[in-house]
Amino acid sequence: MLSIFLNFFSIICIVIALVWIGRISKKEKDMYKEISIIYEDIKYYSKTVEDTINDFDDLISATLNRMEELQRNYTREYKGIKEKDNVDNHSSDGNEVNSNKDLYKKIIEFKKMGLSNEEIAKKLNKGIREVEIIIRMWGNINRNY
């Protein structure tokens, strides 16, 4: 009778152990599936980031090439403009300063007559802000000398 009881007890223990091992095995399989999914996501994101970096690198290269081209074009144009300005400046520097002084004198005359900046600007076909700037600028220059 004792042997039957021990056999029955051992069978129950074996069944409990198998059920327990089955549950642990199922949890491990679920964890393995999750880890596999996470690993696939990481691979996908890694590839995406790598592609993005390559695209960004291509964009930077293209932009730098375009900037260099624009700079070369600007340098060529600037040299051409500078040469034209040098020719023009030799002939018009004195006239420009004189015309600015004449403009300032006219503005001061109108100011002494009591006209507002707006009225002065209308009479001289200049902008209001331009008249104000000329008054301030020439006023500061004349005070310093």
Protein backbone atom coordinates (compact mmCIF):
# COMPACT_ATOMS: atom_id res chain seq x y z
CA MET A 1 0.00 0.00 0.00
CA LEU A 2 2.83 2.30 0.73
CA SER A 3 4.34 1.61 -2.69
CA ILE A 4 1.03 2.48 -4.39
CA PHE A 5 0.85 5.70 -2.43
CA LEU A 6 4.46 6.56 -3.32
CA ASN A 7 3.85 5.75 -6.98
CA PHE A 8 0.74 7.87 -7.00
CA PHE A 9 2.57 10.71 -5.24
CA SER A 10 5.50 10.52 -7.69
CA ILE A 11 3.10 10.61 -10.67
CA ILE A 12 1.44 13.72 -9.23
CA CYS A 13 4.87 15.32 -8.71
CA ILE A 14 5.87 14.46 -12.29
CA VAL A 15 2.63 15.96 -13.66
CA ILE A 16 3.11 19.12 -11.59
CA ALA A 17 6.73 19.38 -12.80
CA LEU A 18 5.67 18.94 -16.44
CA VAL A 19 2.96 21.61 -16.11
CA TRP A 20 5.42 23.94 -14.43
CA ILE A 21 8.09 23.32 -17.10
CA GLY A 22 5.45 23.92 -19.79
CA ARG A 23 4.49 27.28 -18.32
CA ILE A 24 8.13 28.35 -17.99
CA SER A 25 8.79 27.18 -21.54
CA LYS A 26 5.80 29.19 -22.83
CA LYS A 27 7.01 32.33 -21.03
CA GLU A 28 10.48 31.85 -22.49
CA LYS A 29 9.03 31.43 -25.99
CA ASP A 30 6.99 34.62 -25.58
CA MET A 31 10.06 36.49 -24.34
CA TYR A 32 12.09 35.11 -27.27
CA LYS A 33 9.41 36.31 -29.72
CA GLU A 34 9.43 39.79 -28.16
CA ILE A 35 13.22 39.92 -28.30
CA SER A 36 13.13 38.82 -31.94
CA ILE A 37 10.58 41.52 -32.79
CA ILE A 38 12.65 44.16 -30.98
CA TYR A 39 15.78 42.96 -32.79
CA GLU A 40 14.03 43.25 -36.17
CA ASP A 41 12.83 46.75 -35.27
CA ILE A 42 16.36 47.75 -34.28
CA LYS A 43 17.71 46.41 -37.59
CA TYR A 44 15.02 48.34 -39.49
CA TYR A 45 15.69 51.59 -37.60
CA SER A 46 19.43 51.14 -38.01
CA LYS A 47 19.02 50.76 -41.78
CA THR A 48 16.66 53.73 -41.90
CA VAL A 49 19.09 55.92 -39.93
CA GLU A 50 21.95 54.81 -42.17
CA ASP A 51 19.93 55.68 -45.28
CA THR A 52 18.98 59.04 -43.79
CA ILE A 53 22.60 59.81 -42.97
CA ASN A 54 23.63 58.88 -46.52
CA ASP A 55 20.87 61.08 -47.96
CA PHE A 56 21.89 63.92 -45.66
CA ASP A 57 25.53 63.49 -46.68
CA ASP A 58 24.52 63.65 -50.35
CA LEU A 59 22.45 66.76 -49.64
CA ILE A 60 25.36 68.42 -47.85
CA SER A 61 27.72 67.58 -50.72
CA ALA A 62 25.28 68.96 -53.28
CA THR A 63 24.73 72.10 -51.20
CA LEU A 64 28.46 72.66 -50.75
CA ASN A 65 29.03 72.20 -54.47
CA ARG A 66 26.24 74.68 -55.20
CA MET A 67 27.66 77.16 -52.68
CA GLU A 68 31.12 76.88 -54.24
CA GLU A 69 29.61 77.45 -57.68
CA LEU A 70 27.65 80.48 -56.44
CA GLN A 71 30.76 81.84 -54.76
CA ARG A 72 32.77 81.46 -57.99
CA ASN A 73 30.00 83.17 -59.96
CA TYR A 74 29.75 85.94 -57.37
CA THR A 75 33.52 86.45 -57.43
CA ARG A 76 33.47 86.73 -61.23
CA GLU A 77 30.54 89.15 -61.16
CA TYR A 78 32.04 91.13 -58.29
CA LYS A 79 35.32 91.58 -60.16
CA GLY A 80 33.41 92.81 -63.21
CA ILE A 81 31.30 95.20 -61.15
CA LYS A 82 34.33 96.41 -59.22
CA GLU A 83 36.15 97.21 -62.45
CA LYS A 84 33.11 99.14 -63.70
CA ASP A 85 32.79 100.94 -60.36
CA ASN A 86 36.45 101.90 -60.40
CA VAL A 87 35.96 103.55 -63.79
CA ASP A 88 32.72 105.23 -62.66
CA ASN A 89 34.09 106.27 -59.27
CA HIS A 90 36.97 108.19 -60.78
CA SER A 91 34.53 110.36 -62.71
CA SER A 92 31.63 110.69 -60.25
CA ASP A 93 33.10 110.76 -56.72
CA GLY A 94 33.35 114.52 -56.58
CA ASN A 95 29.92 115.05 -58.13
CA GLU A 96 28.29 112.62 -55.71
CA VAL A 97 29.72 114.34 -52.63
CA ASN A 98 28.72 117.73 -53.97
CA SER A 99 25.19 116.56 -54.76
CA ASN A 100 24.89 115.10 -51.25
CA LYS A 101 26.07 118.37 -49.73
CA ASP A 102 23.63 120.30 -51.93
CA LEU A 103 20.83 117.97 -50.87
CA TYR A 104 21.75 118.48 -47.22
CA LYS A 105 21.82 122.26 -47.69
CA LYS A 106 18.38 122.18 -49.31
CA ILE A 107 17.02 120.04 -46.48
CA ILE A 108 18.47 122.43 -43.88
CA GLU A 109 17.00 125.45 -45.71
CA PHE A 110 13.56 123.81 -45.76
CA LYS A 111 13.96 122.86 -42.10
CA LYS A 112 14.78 126.48 -41.20
CA MET A 113 11.68 127.56 -43.11
CA GLY A 114 9.70 125.41 -40.69
CA LEU A 115 8.71 122.58 -43.00
CA SER A 116 8.21 119.10 -41.57
CA ASN A 117 10.28 116.12 -42.68
CA GLU A 118 7.31 114.85 -44.67
CA GLU A 119 6.94 118.12 -46.57
CA ILE A 120 10.68 118.26 -47.25
CA ALA A 121 10.60 114.70 -48.57
CA LYS A 122 7.74 115.54 -50.94
CA LYS A 123 9.49 118.66 -52.28
CA LEU A 124 12.78 116.82 -52.90
CA ASN A 125 11.19 113.56 -54.11
CA LYS A 126 12.90 111.61 -51.33
CA GLY A 127 11.57 109.28 -48.68
CA ILE A 128 10.69 110.57 -45.22
CA ARG A 129 13.14 108.20 -43.55
CA GLU A 130 15.83 109.20 -46.04
CA VAL A 131 15.35 112.86 -45.12
CA GLU A 132 15.48 112.02 -41.41
CA ILE A 133 18.63 109.94 -41.86
CA ILE A 134 20.34 112.68 -43.88
CA ILE A 135 19.50 115.27 -41.22
CA ARG A 136 20.88 113.09 -38.43
CA MET A 137 23.93 111.93 -40.36
CA TRP A 138 25.02 115.34 -41.64
CA GLY A 139 24.14 116.89 -38.29
CA ASN A 140 26.48 114.45 -36.53
CA ILE A 141 29.22 115.00 -39.11
CA ASN A 142 29.02 118.80 -38.81
CA ARG A 143 29.05 118.66 -35.00
CA ASN A 144 32.24 116.58 -35.01
CA TYR A 145 34.13 119.11 -37.17
